[in-house]
């Protein structure tokens, strides 16, 4: 089996606990605009980004707000409260393990650059990564392989080398992310939210 030489992390709920934070930003902003966001939609909100959520807030919940205003307001709430977000158990130890073994690391997220960089800066994880790929940096969304293929290309450009996808490990918390990484030819470590076993037996 090819040795792991590069590691690609998903961000939301893989590196950090952001599910509740994304729910609350929408809850607060919609309330400001007189719209109730029922608890039954919580999982749906978790699984989609702000642009996707905006579309059904307009069509199904009756939000009367232009897209730019909505995005600006959820981003402002997210930034103001980013200090409340927690790093998932075991993540620091895993990041340090890969760093000490000179294994380059990158983030590949379906999230928008503002959200990803805001939270990783807030919890002081940004220095671990050579690159951060967000939805603005590639076409398509996970489970399409393009996000991870774009991540490989980014590290190739940074390090001036050719990277074999088989030498790459993707760490994910969701099925769509796993499908994306596997389709890109990577090995995948699945660590769903709630599974906080130590990384010791997973480190390669």
N, C-alpha and C. Protein backbone atom coordinates (compact mmCIF):
# COMPACT_ATOMS: atom_id res chain seq x y z
N UNK A 1 0.85 -1.19 0.00
CA UNK A 1 0.00 0.00 0.00
C UNK A 1 0.88 1.25 0.00
N UNK A 2 0.52 2.22 -0.85
CA UNK A 2 1.28 3.46 -0.94
C UNK A 2 1.28 4.21 0.39
N UNK A 3 2.44 4.70 0.78
CA UNK A 3 2.55 5.45 2.03
C UNK A 3 1.86 6.80 1.91
N UNK A 4 1.19 7.20 2.98
CA UNK A 4 0.53 8.51 2.99
C UNK A 4 1.58 9.61 3.02
N UNK A 5 1.51 10.52 2.03
CA UNK A 5 2.48 11.61 1.94
C UNK A 5 1.83 12.98 2.01
N UNK A 6 0.49 13.04 1.87
CA UNK A 6 -0.24 14.30 1.90
C UNK A 6 -1.58 14.06 2.59
N UNK A 7 -2.01 15.06 3.37
CA UNK A 7 -3.28 14.92 4.09
C UNK A 7 -4.18 16.11 3.76
N UNK A 8 -5.43 15.80 3.44
CA UNK A 8 -6.44 16.81 3.11
C UNK A 8 -7.59 16.70 4.11
N UNK A 9 -7.87 17.79 4.78
CA UNK A 9 -8.92 17.82 5.80
C UNK A 9 -10.16 18.55 5.29
N UNK A 10 -11.33 17.99 5.53
CA UNK A 10 -12.55 18.77 5.47
C UNK A 10 -12.52 19.72 6.67
N UNK A 11 -13.32 20.77 6.63
CA UNK A 11 -13.30 21.72 7.74
C UNK A 11 -14.46 21.55 8.72
N UNK A 12 -15.67 21.89 8.26
CA UNK A 12 -16.83 21.89 9.15
C UNK A 12 -17.12 20.51 9.72
N UNK A 13 -17.08 20.44 11.05
CA UNK A 13 -17.41 19.23 11.81
C UNK A 13 -16.40 18.10 11.64
N UNK A 14 -15.30 18.38 10.93
CA UNK A 14 -14.17 17.45 10.85
C UNK A 14 -13.03 18.01 11.69
N UNK A 15 -12.64 19.24 11.42
CA UNK A 15 -11.64 19.92 12.23
C UNK A 15 -12.27 20.58 13.45
N UNK A 16 -13.42 21.20 13.24
CA UNK A 16 -14.06 22.02 14.27
C UNK A 16 -15.56 21.74 14.34
N UNK A 17 -16.13 21.97 15.51
CA UNK A 17 -17.57 21.80 15.72
C UNK A 17 -18.30 23.06 15.25
N UNK A 18 -18.77 23.07 14.00
CA UNK A 18 -19.43 24.26 13.48
C UNK A 18 -20.92 24.07 13.18
N UNK A 19 -21.42 22.85 13.27
CA UNK A 19 -22.82 22.61 12.89
C UNK A 19 -23.78 23.51 13.65
N UNK A 20 -23.63 23.56 14.96
CA UNK A 20 -24.53 24.38 15.77
C UNK A 20 -24.34 25.87 15.47
N UNK A 21 -23.12 26.26 15.19
CA UNK A 21 -22.80 27.65 14.89
C UNK A 21 -23.49 28.10 13.59
N UNK A 22 -23.45 27.23 12.57
CA UNK A 22 -24.11 27.57 11.31
C UNK A 22 -25.63 27.63 11.48
N UNK A 23 -26.16 26.76 12.32
CA UNK A 23 -27.60 26.80 12.60
C UNK A 23 -27.97 28.11 13.27
N UNK A 24 -27.21 28.48 14.28
CA UNK A 24 -27.54 29.68 15.06
C UNK A 24 -27.41 30.96 14.24
N UNK A 25 -26.45 31.03 13.33
CA UNK A 25 -26.31 32.25 12.53
C UNK A 25 -27.56 32.45 11.67
N UNK A 26 -28.08 31.35 11.12
CA UNK A 26 -29.30 31.46 10.32
C UNK A 26 -30.52 31.75 11.18
N UNK A 27 -30.57 31.12 12.34
CA UNK A 27 -31.70 31.35 13.26
C UNK A 27 -31.79 32.82 13.65
N UNK A 28 -30.65 33.42 13.99
CA UNK A 28 -30.62 34.81 14.42
C UNK A 28 -30.93 35.78 13.29
N UNK A 29 -30.36 35.53 12.11
CA UNK A 29 -30.57 36.44 10.99
C UNK A 29 -32.00 36.37 10.49
N UNK A 30 -32.56 35.16 10.39
CA UNK A 30 -33.94 35.06 9.94
C UNK A 30 -34.90 35.69 10.94
N UNK A 31 -34.63 35.53 12.22
CA UNK A 31 -35.47 36.15 13.24
C UNK A 31 -35.45 37.66 13.09
N UNK A 32 -34.29 38.20 12.77
CA UNK A 32 -34.14 39.65 12.56
C UNK A 32 -35.05 40.13 11.43
N UNK A 33 -35.30 39.23 10.46
CA UNK A 33 -36.15 39.58 9.31
C UNK A 33 -37.57 39.06 9.47
N UNK A 34 -37.93 38.66 10.70
CA UNK A 34 -39.29 38.25 10.99
C UNK A 34 -39.67 36.88 10.49
N UNK A 35 -38.67 36.01 10.28
CA UNK A 35 -38.92 34.66 9.76
C UNK A 35 -38.56 33.62 10.81
N UNK A 36 -39.49 32.69 11.05
CA UNK A 36 -39.25 31.60 11.99
C UNK A 36 -38.54 30.46 11.27
N UNK A 37 -37.49 29.92 11.87
CA UNK A 37 -36.76 28.78 11.30
C UNK A 37 -37.00 27.58 12.20
N UNK A 38 -37.95 26.70 11.82
CA UNK A 38 -38.31 25.56 12.67
C UNK A 38 -37.16 24.59 12.91
N UNK A 39 -37.13 24.03 14.10
CA UNK A 39 -36.08 23.07 14.49
C UNK A 39 -36.01 21.89 13.54
N UNK A 40 -37.13 21.55 12.92
CA UNK A 40 -37.17 20.39 12.02
C UNK A 40 -36.24 20.55 10.82
N UNK A 41 -35.83 21.79 10.53
CA UNK A 41 -34.95 22.05 9.39
C UNK A 41 -33.46 22.03 9.77
N UNK A 42 -33.16 21.71 10.99
CA UNK A 42 -31.79 21.84 11.48
C UNK A 42 -30.80 21.03 10.64
N UNK A 43 -31.10 19.77 10.37
CA UNK A 43 -30.18 18.93 9.61
C UNK A 43 -30.01 19.46 8.19
N UNK A 44 -31.09 19.94 7.61
CA UNK A 44 -31.02 20.50 6.26
C UNK A 44 -30.09 21.70 6.21
N UNK A 45 -30.18 22.55 7.21
CA UNK A 45 -29.30 23.72 7.28
C UNK A 45 -27.85 23.29 7.42
N UNK A 46 -27.59 22.25 8.25
CA UNK A 46 -26.22 21.76 8.44
C UNK A 46 -25.60 21.33 7.12
N UNK A 47 -26.40 20.67 6.29
CA UNK A 47 -25.86 20.01 5.10
C UNK A 47 -25.64 20.96 3.92
N UNK A 48 -26.15 22.18 4.01
CA UNK A 48 -26.04 23.10 2.88
C UNK A 48 -25.29 24.37 3.27
N UNK A 49 -24.68 24.99 2.28
CA UNK A 49 -24.01 26.25 2.52
C UNK A 49 -25.01 27.40 2.52
N UNK A 50 -24.54 28.57 2.91
CA UNK A 50 -25.42 29.74 2.99
C UNK A 50 -26.10 30.08 1.67
N UNK A 51 -25.40 30.02 0.52
CA UNK A 51 -26.10 30.34 -0.74
C UNK A 51 -27.26 29.37 -1.02
N UNK A 52 -27.04 28.08 -0.71
CA UNK A 52 -28.11 27.09 -0.94
C UNK A 52 -29.26 27.30 0.05
N UNK A 53 -28.91 27.57 1.31
CA UNK A 53 -29.95 27.81 2.30
C UNK A 53 -30.77 29.05 1.96
N UNK A 54 -30.10 30.09 1.48
CA UNK A 54 -30.82 31.31 1.12
C UNK A 54 -31.94 31.03 0.12
N UNK A 55 -31.66 30.18 -0.87
CA UNK A 55 -32.64 29.92 -1.92
C UNK A 55 -33.94 29.33 -1.35
N UNK A 56 -33.82 28.37 -0.44
CA UNK A 56 -35.06 27.79 0.08
C UNK A 56 -35.66 28.62 1.21
N UNK A 57 -34.86 29.45 1.86
CA UNK A 57 -35.44 30.39 2.82
C UNK A 57 -36.39 31.35 2.07
N UNK A 58 -35.98 31.75 0.87
CA UNK A 58 -36.80 32.65 0.06
C UNK A 58 -38.05 31.94 -0.44
N UNK A 59 -37.87 30.75 -1.01
CA UNK A 59 -38.99 30.06 -1.67
C UNK A 59 -39.94 29.36 -0.70
N UNK A 60 -39.42 28.89 0.45
CA UNK A 60 -40.25 28.08 1.35
C UNK A 60 -40.63 28.78 2.65
N UNK A 61 -39.78 29.68 3.13
CA UNK A 61 -40.05 30.32 4.41
C UNK A 61 -40.49 31.77 4.26
N UNK A 62 -40.41 32.29 3.04
CA UNK A 62 -40.89 33.65 2.81
C UNK A 62 -39.94 34.75 3.22
N UNK A 63 -38.64 34.47 3.27
CA UNK A 63 -37.66 35.50 3.59
C UNK A 63 -37.72 36.62 2.56
N UNK A 64 -37.81 37.86 3.02
CA UNK A 64 -37.84 39.03 2.13
C UNK A 64 -36.55 39.81 2.34
N UNK A 65 -35.52 39.37 1.66
CA UNK A 65 -34.19 39.96 1.87
C UNK A 65 -33.36 39.62 0.65
N UNK A 66 -32.58 40.58 0.14
CA UNK A 66 -31.76 40.24 -1.01
C UNK A 66 -30.57 39.39 -0.59
N UNK A 67 -30.02 38.65 -1.53
CA UNK A 67 -28.97 37.66 -1.25
C UNK A 67 -27.74 38.28 -0.61
N UNK A 68 -27.30 39.42 -1.11
CA UNK A 68 -26.10 40.05 -0.58
C UNK A 68 -26.28 40.47 0.88
N UNK A 69 -27.46 40.98 1.20
CA UNK A 69 -27.74 41.38 2.58
C UNK A 69 -27.73 40.17 3.51
N UNK A 70 -28.39 39.11 3.06
CA UNK A 70 -28.43 37.87 3.86
C UNK A 70 -27.01 37.34 4.12
N UNK A 71 -26.20 37.23 3.06
CA UNK A 71 -24.85 36.70 3.23
C UNK A 71 -24.01 37.60 4.12
N UNK A 72 -24.16 38.90 3.97
CA UNK A 72 -23.40 39.84 4.80
C UNK A 72 -23.78 39.69 6.27
N UNK A 73 -25.07 39.51 6.54
CA UNK A 73 -25.52 39.42 7.93
C UNK A 73 -25.14 38.08 8.58
N UNK A 74 -25.25 36.96 7.84
CA UNK A 74 -24.84 35.69 8.45
C UNK A 74 -23.33 35.65 8.65
N UNK A 75 -22.58 36.25 7.72
CA UNK A 75 -21.13 36.30 7.87
C UNK A 75 -20.73 37.15 9.08
N UNK A 76 -21.43 38.27 9.28
CA UNK A 76 -21.13 39.13 10.41
C UNK A 76 -21.39 38.41 11.73
N UNK A 77 -22.53 37.69 11.81
CA UNK A 77 -22.83 36.94 13.04
C UNK A 77 -21.80 35.85 13.26
N UNK A 78 -21.45 35.14 12.20
CA UNK A 78 -20.47 34.06 12.29
C UNK A 78 -19.13 34.58 12.80
N UNK A 79 -18.67 35.68 12.24
CA UNK A 79 -17.39 36.26 12.63
C UNK A 79 -17.41 36.73 14.09
N UNK A 80 -18.48 37.41 14.46
CA UNK A 80 -18.59 37.94 15.82
C UNK A 80 -18.57 36.84 16.88
N UNK A 81 -19.08 35.66 16.52
CA UNK A 81 -19.21 34.57 17.49
C UNK A 81 -18.26 33.41 17.25
N UNK A 82 -17.30 33.60 16.33
CA UNK A 82 -16.39 32.50 15.96
C UNK A 82 -15.56 32.00 17.13
N UNK A 83 -15.31 32.86 18.11
CA UNK A 83 -14.50 32.46 19.26
C UNK A 83 -15.14 31.38 20.11
N UNK A 84 -16.44 31.13 19.91
CA UNK A 84 -17.15 30.10 20.68
C UNK A 84 -16.96 28.70 20.10
N UNK A 85 -16.44 28.61 18.89
CA UNK A 85 -16.31 27.31 18.21
C UNK A 85 -15.17 26.50 18.83
N UNK A 86 -15.40 25.20 18.96
CA UNK A 86 -14.43 24.31 19.57
C UNK A 86 -13.78 23.39 18.53
N UNK A 87 -12.53 23.07 18.75
CA UNK A 87 -11.82 22.11 17.92
C UNK A 87 -12.25 20.70 18.34
N UNK A 88 -12.42 19.82 17.37
CA UNK A 88 -12.81 18.45 17.70
C UNK A 88 -11.69 17.73 18.46
N UNK A 89 -12.08 16.85 19.34
CA UNK A 89 -11.11 16.08 20.12
C UNK A 89 -10.16 15.32 19.21
N UNK A 90 -8.88 15.35 19.56
CA UNK A 90 -7.87 14.59 18.84
C UNK A 90 -7.29 15.28 17.63
N UNK A 91 -7.91 16.37 17.18
CA UNK A 91 -7.47 17.03 15.95
C UNK A 91 -6.08 17.64 16.11
N UNK A 92 -5.85 18.35 17.20
CA UNK A 92 -4.53 18.97 17.40
C UNK A 92 -3.43 17.92 17.38
N UNK A 93 -3.66 16.81 18.06
CA UNK A 93 -2.65 15.74 18.10
C UNK A 93 -2.39 15.19 16.70
N UNK A 94 -3.44 15.01 15.91
CA UNK A 94 -3.27 14.52 14.55
C UNK A 94 -2.53 15.52 13.67
N UNK A 95 -2.90 16.80 13.77
CA UNK A 95 -2.22 17.84 13.01
C UNK A 95 -0.73 17.88 13.35
N UNK A 96 -0.43 17.78 14.63
CA UNK A 96 0.96 17.80 15.06
C UNK A 96 1.72 16.56 14.58
N UNK A 97 1.03 15.42 14.58
CA UNK A 97 1.65 14.18 14.09
C UNK A 97 2.08 14.33 12.64
N UNK A 98 1.16 14.80 11.80
CA UNK A 98 1.50 14.95 10.39
C UNK A 98 2.58 16.02 10.18
N UNK A 99 2.48 17.10 10.94
CA UNK A 99 3.48 18.16 10.83
C UNK A 99 4.87 17.66 11.21
N UNK A 100 4.95 16.91 12.29
CA UNK A 100 6.25 16.41 12.75
C UNK A 100 6.86 15.39 11.79
N UNK A 101 6.02 14.78 10.96
CA UNK A 101 6.50 13.83 9.96
C UNK A 101 6.63 14.47 8.58
N UNK A 102 6.60 15.81 8.56
CA UNK A 102 6.78 16.58 7.32
C UNK A 102 5.80 16.19 6.22
N UNK A 103 4.55 15.94 6.62
CA UNK A 103 3.50 15.61 5.68
C UNK A 103 2.67 16.87 5.44
N UNK A 104 2.70 17.42 4.22
CA UNK A 104 1.92 18.63 3.94
C UNK A 104 0.43 18.39 4.15
N UNK A 105 -0.25 19.43 4.65
CA UNK A 105 -1.68 19.33 4.93
C UNK A 105 -2.41 20.49 4.25
N UNK A 106 -3.64 20.21 3.83
CA UNK A 106 -4.47 21.23 3.20
C UNK A 106 -5.92 21.03 3.64
N UNK A 107 -6.70 22.08 3.49
CA UNK A 107 -8.14 22.02 3.77
C UNK A 107 -8.87 22.03 2.44
N UNK A 108 -9.87 21.15 2.30
CA UNK A 108 -10.75 21.16 1.13
C UNK A 108 -12.18 21.16 1.66
N UNK A 109 -12.86 22.27 1.47
CA UNK A 109 -14.18 22.46 2.07
C UNK A 109 -15.21 22.92 1.05
N UNK A 110 -16.46 22.47 1.24
CA UNK A 110 -17.57 23.00 0.45
C UNK A 110 -17.99 24.38 0.93
N UNK A 111 -17.46 24.80 2.07
CA UNK A 111 -17.82 26.09 2.65
C UNK A 111 -17.23 27.26 1.89
N UNK A 112 -17.77 28.44 2.17
CA UNK A 112 -17.23 29.65 1.56
C UNK A 112 -15.95 30.07 2.27
N UNK A 113 -15.09 30.75 1.54
CA UNK A 113 -13.79 31.16 2.08
C UNK A 113 -13.94 31.95 3.37
N UNK A 114 -14.91 32.86 3.42
CA UNK A 114 -15.09 33.68 4.62
C UNK A 114 -15.29 32.82 5.85
N UNK A 115 -16.20 31.85 5.78
CA UNK A 115 -16.50 31.01 6.94
C UNK A 115 -15.30 30.15 7.33
N UNK A 116 -14.69 29.52 6.34
CA UNK A 116 -13.58 28.59 6.62
C UNK A 116 -12.40 29.33 7.24
N UNK A 117 -11.99 30.41 6.61
CA UNK A 117 -10.82 31.14 7.13
C UNK A 117 -11.13 31.81 8.48
N UNK A 118 -12.34 32.29 8.63
CA UNK A 118 -12.71 32.94 9.88
C UNK A 118 -12.58 31.97 11.05
N UNK A 119 -13.15 30.77 10.90
CA UNK A 119 -13.12 29.83 12.02
C UNK A 119 -11.72 29.27 12.25
N UNK A 120 -10.98 28.96 11.19
CA UNK A 120 -9.64 28.39 11.39
C UNK A 120 -8.67 29.42 11.95
N UNK A 121 -8.86 30.68 11.59
CA UNK A 121 -8.06 31.74 12.22
C UNK A 121 -8.44 31.90 13.69
N UNK A 122 -9.74 31.83 13.98
CA UNK A 122 -10.21 32.03 15.35
C UNK A 122 -9.69 30.97 16.31
N UNK A 123 -9.56 29.73 15.82
CA UNK A 123 -9.10 28.64 16.69
C UNK A 123 -7.61 28.33 16.47
N UNK A 124 -6.94 29.19 15.69
CA UNK A 124 -5.48 29.13 15.51
C UNK A 124 -5.01 27.85 14.82
N UNK A 125 -5.80 27.36 13.86
CA UNK A 125 -5.39 26.17 13.10
C UNK A 125 -4.80 26.51 11.73
N UNK A 126 -5.01 27.71 11.25
CA UNK A 126 -4.58 28.07 9.89
C UNK A 126 -3.11 27.78 9.61
N UNK A 127 -2.18 28.00 10.56
CA UNK A 127 -0.77 27.76 10.25
C UNK A 127 -0.41 26.32 9.90
N UNK A 128 -1.27 25.38 10.20
CA UNK A 128 -0.97 23.99 9.88
C UNK A 128 -1.10 23.67 8.40
N UNK A 129 -1.78 24.53 7.65
CA UNK A 129 -2.15 24.18 6.29
C UNK A 129 -1.40 24.97 5.24
N UNK A 130 -0.92 24.23 4.23
CA UNK A 130 -0.24 24.87 3.10
C UNK A 130 -1.24 25.53 2.15
N UNK A 131 -2.46 25.01 2.14
CA UNK A 131 -3.49 25.56 1.24
C UNK A 131 -4.86 25.35 1.85
N UNK A 132 -5.79 26.26 1.50
CA UNK A 132 -7.19 26.12 1.90
C UNK A 132 -8.03 26.29 0.65
N UNK A 133 -8.72 25.24 0.25
CA UNK A 133 -9.57 25.26 -0.93
C UNK A 133 -11.03 25.33 -0.48
N UNK A 134 -11.74 26.36 -0.94
CA UNK A 134 -13.14 26.56 -0.58
C UNK A 134 -13.97 26.62 -1.85
N UNK A 135 -15.28 26.80 -1.71
CA UNK A 135 -16.18 26.68 -2.86
C UNK A 135 -15.85 27.65 -3.98
N UNK A 136 -15.21 28.78 -3.65
CA UNK A 136 -14.84 29.74 -4.69
C UNK A 136 -13.64 29.29 -5.51
N UNK A 137 -12.96 28.23 -5.06
CA UNK A 137 -11.69 27.83 -5.68
C UNK A 137 -11.81 26.69 -6.68
N UNK A 138 -13.01 26.17 -6.90
CA UNK A 138 -13.18 25.07 -7.83
C UNK A 138 -14.62 25.04 -8.33
N UNK A 139 -14.85 24.27 -9.38
CA UNK A 139 -16.20 24.07 -9.90
C UNK A 139 -16.83 22.88 -9.19
N UNK A 140 -18.16 22.92 -9.02
CA UNK A 140 -18.85 21.79 -8.42
C UNK A 140 -18.74 21.77 -6.90
N UNK A 141 -19.35 20.76 -6.30
CA UNK A 141 -19.33 20.56 -4.86
C UNK A 141 -19.16 19.07 -4.58
N UNK A 142 -18.64 18.77 -3.41
CA UNK A 142 -18.63 17.37 -3.01
C UNK A 142 -20.07 16.85 -3.09
N UNK A 143 -20.32 15.67 -3.66
CA UNK A 143 -19.42 14.53 -3.88
C UNK A 143 -18.65 14.51 -5.19
N UNK A 144 -18.74 15.56 -5.99
CA UNK A 144 -17.91 15.64 -7.19
C UNK A 144 -16.44 15.55 -6.79
N UNK A 145 -15.58 14.88 -7.56
CA UNK A 145 -14.16 14.78 -7.20
C UNK A 145 -13.37 16.07 -7.35
N UNK A 146 -13.91 17.04 -8.09
CA UNK A 146 -13.15 18.25 -8.41
C UNK A 146 -12.61 19.00 -7.19
N UNK A 147 -13.35 19.12 -6.07
CA UNK A 147 -12.74 19.81 -4.92
C UNK A 147 -11.40 19.21 -4.50
N UNK A 148 -11.33 17.89 -4.42
CA UNK A 148 -10.08 17.26 -4.00
C UNK A 148 -9.03 17.27 -5.10
N UNK A 149 -9.46 17.17 -6.35
CA UNK A 149 -8.49 17.28 -7.44
C UNK A 149 -7.88 18.68 -7.46
N UNK A 150 -8.71 19.68 -7.17
CA UNK A 150 -8.20 21.06 -7.08
C UNK A 150 -7.22 21.18 -5.91
N UNK A 151 -7.50 20.48 -4.82
CA UNK A 151 -6.58 20.49 -3.69
C UNK A 151 -5.23 19.90 -4.04
N UNK A 152 -5.25 18.81 -4.79
CA UNK A 152 -3.99 18.21 -5.24
C UNK A 152 -3.22 19.18 -6.12
N UNK A 153 -3.91 19.81 -7.06
CA UNK A 153 -3.24 20.76 -7.95
C UNK A 153 -2.64 21.93 -7.16
N UNK A 154 -3.34 22.36 -6.12
CA UNK A 154 -2.82 23.47 -5.31
C UNK A 154 -1.52 23.09 -4.63
N UNK A 155 -1.47 21.88 -4.04
CA UNK A 155 -0.22 21.46 -3.38
C UNK A 155 0.88 21.19 -4.41
N UNK A 156 0.51 20.70 -5.58
CA UNK A 156 1.51 20.51 -6.63
C UNK A 156 2.15 21.84 -7.01
N UNK A 157 1.34 22.88 -7.14
CA UNK A 157 1.85 24.20 -7.50
C UNK A 157 2.72 24.78 -6.39
N UNK A 158 2.31 24.59 -5.15
CA UNK A 158 3.06 25.13 -4.02
C UNK A 158 4.42 24.45 -3.87
N UNK A 159 4.43 23.13 -4.01
CA UNK A 159 5.66 22.36 -3.76
C UNK A 159 6.43 22.02 -5.03
N UNK A 160 5.87 22.33 -6.21
CA UNK A 160 6.57 22.08 -7.45
C UNK A 160 6.80 20.62 -7.74
N UNK A 161 5.81 19.80 -7.42
CA UNK A 161 5.94 18.35 -7.59
C UNK A 161 4.67 17.79 -8.20
N UNK A 162 4.75 16.52 -8.61
CA UNK A 162 3.57 15.80 -9.07
C UNK A 162 3.10 14.88 -7.95
N UNK A 163 1.81 14.90 -7.65
CA UNK A 163 1.27 14.15 -6.52
C UNK A 163 0.40 13.00 -7.00
N UNK A 164 0.68 11.81 -6.51
CA UNK A 164 -0.12 10.63 -6.79
C UNK A 164 -1.31 10.63 -5.82
N UNK A 165 -2.55 10.66 -6.31
CA UNK A 165 -3.70 10.65 -5.40
C UNK A 165 -3.69 9.48 -4.41
N UNK A 166 -3.09 8.37 -4.80
CA UNK A 166 -3.02 7.21 -3.91
C UNK A 166 -2.16 7.47 -2.68
N UNK A 167 -1.33 8.52 -2.74
CA UNK A 167 -0.49 8.89 -1.59
C UNK A 167 -1.17 9.93 -0.71
N UNK A 168 -2.43 10.22 -1.01
CA UNK A 168 -3.17 11.25 -0.28
C UNK A 168 -4.23 10.64 0.63
N UNK A 169 -4.35 11.21 1.82
CA UNK A 169 -5.39 10.82 2.77
C UNK A 169 -6.35 11.98 2.95
N UNK A 170 -7.64 11.74 2.77
CA UNK A 170 -8.66 12.74 3.05
C UNK A 170 -9.37 12.36 4.35
N UNK A 171 -9.58 13.35 5.21
CA UNK A 171 -10.28 13.12 6.48
C UNK A 171 -11.62 13.84 6.41
N UNK A 172 -12.71 13.07 6.57
CA UNK A 172 -14.06 13.58 6.32
C UNK A 172 -15.02 13.15 7.41
N UNK A 173 -16.10 13.93 7.55
CA UNK A 173 -17.15 13.58 8.51
C UNK A 173 -18.46 13.22 7.84
N UNK A 174 -18.53 13.34 6.49
CA UNK A 174 -19.80 13.12 5.80
C UNK A 174 -19.60 12.21 4.59
N UNK A 175 -20.70 11.56 4.20
CA UNK A 175 -20.69 10.63 3.07
C UNK A 175 -20.31 11.32 1.76
N UNK A 176 -20.84 12.52 1.52
CA UNK A 176 -20.54 13.22 0.28
C UNK A 176 -19.05 13.54 0.16
N UNK A 177 -18.45 13.89 1.28
CA UNK A 177 -17.02 14.17 1.27
C UNK A 177 -16.21 12.92 0.99
N UNK A 178 -16.64 11.80 1.57
CA UNK A 178 -15.97 10.53 1.31
C UNK A 178 -16.04 10.17 -0.17
N UNK A 179 -17.21 10.34 -0.76
CA UNK A 179 -17.39 10.03 -2.18
C UNK A 179 -16.50 10.90 -3.05
N UNK A 180 -16.39 12.16 -2.70
CA UNK A 180 -15.56 13.09 -3.45
C UNK A 180 -14.09 12.66 -3.44
N UNK A 181 -13.59 12.37 -2.25
CA UNK A 181 -12.19 11.99 -2.11
C UNK A 181 -11.89 10.66 -2.80
N UNK A 182 -12.78 9.70 -2.64
CA UNK A 182 -12.57 8.39 -3.28
C UNK A 182 -12.59 8.52 -4.80
N UNK A 183 -13.50 9.35 -5.31
CA UNK A 183 -13.57 9.57 -6.75
C UNK A 183 -12.32 10.25 -7.28
N UNK A 184 -11.63 10.99 -6.42
CA UNK A 184 -10.37 11.65 -6.81
C UNK A 184 -9.19 10.70 -6.68
N UNK A 185 -9.43 9.49 -6.20
CA UNK A 185 -8.37 8.49 -6.08
C UNK A 185 -7.65 8.45 -4.75
N UNK A 186 -8.20 9.15 -3.75
CA UNK A 186 -7.56 9.23 -2.44
C UNK A 186 -8.05 8.12 -1.51
N UNK A 187 -7.27 7.87 -0.48
CA UNK A 187 -7.74 7.07 0.63
C UNK A 187 -8.51 8.00 1.57
N UNK A 188 -9.45 7.44 2.30
CA UNK A 188 -10.34 8.27 3.12
C UNK A 188 -10.42 7.74 4.54
N UNK A 189 -10.32 8.66 5.48
CA UNK A 189 -10.55 8.38 6.89
C UNK A 189 -11.88 9.03 7.26
N UNK A 190 -12.85 8.20 7.63
CA UNK A 190 -14.19 8.68 7.97
C UNK A 190 -14.28 8.83 9.48
N UNK A 191 -14.52 10.05 9.92
CA UNK A 191 -14.65 10.35 11.35
C UNK A 191 -15.90 11.19 11.54
N UNK A 192 -17.07 10.55 11.58
CA UNK A 192 -18.32 11.30 11.67
C UNK A 192 -18.45 12.07 12.97
N UNK A 193 -19.26 13.11 12.93
CA UNK A 193 -19.50 13.90 14.13
C UNK A 193 -20.05 12.99 15.22
N UNK A 194 -19.46 13.08 16.40
CA UNK A 194 -19.87 12.21 17.50
C UNK A 194 -18.90 11.08 17.74
N UNK A 195 -18.06 10.77 16.74
CA UNK A 195 -17.05 9.73 16.89
C UNK A 195 -15.74 10.40 17.29
N UNK A 196 -15.51 10.51 18.58
CA UNK A 196 -14.32 11.22 19.06
C UNK A 196 -13.28 10.28 19.62
N UNK A 197 -13.22 9.06 19.05
CA UNK A 197 -12.13 8.17 19.43
C UNK A 197 -10.79 8.82 19.08
N UNK A 198 -9.73 8.50 19.82
CA UNK A 198 -8.43 9.07 19.49
C UNK A 198 -7.99 8.70 18.09
N UNK A 199 -7.16 9.54 17.49
CA UNK A 199 -6.63 9.27 16.16
C UNK A 199 -5.50 8.25 16.19
N UNK A 200 -5.03 7.83 17.37
CA UNK A 200 -3.85 6.99 17.48
C UNK A 200 -3.87 5.81 16.53
N UNK A 201 -4.99 5.12 16.47
CA UNK A 201 -5.04 3.92 15.64
C UNK A 201 -5.29 4.24 14.16
N UNK A 202 -5.45 5.51 13.84
CA UNK A 202 -5.75 5.91 12.47
C UNK A 202 -4.54 6.53 11.76
N UNK A 203 -3.57 6.97 12.52
CA UNK A 203 -2.43 7.68 11.94
C UNK A 203 -1.56 6.71 11.16
N UNK A 204 -1.17 7.11 9.96
CA UNK A 204 -0.44 6.21 9.05
C UNK A 204 1.00 6.68 8.86
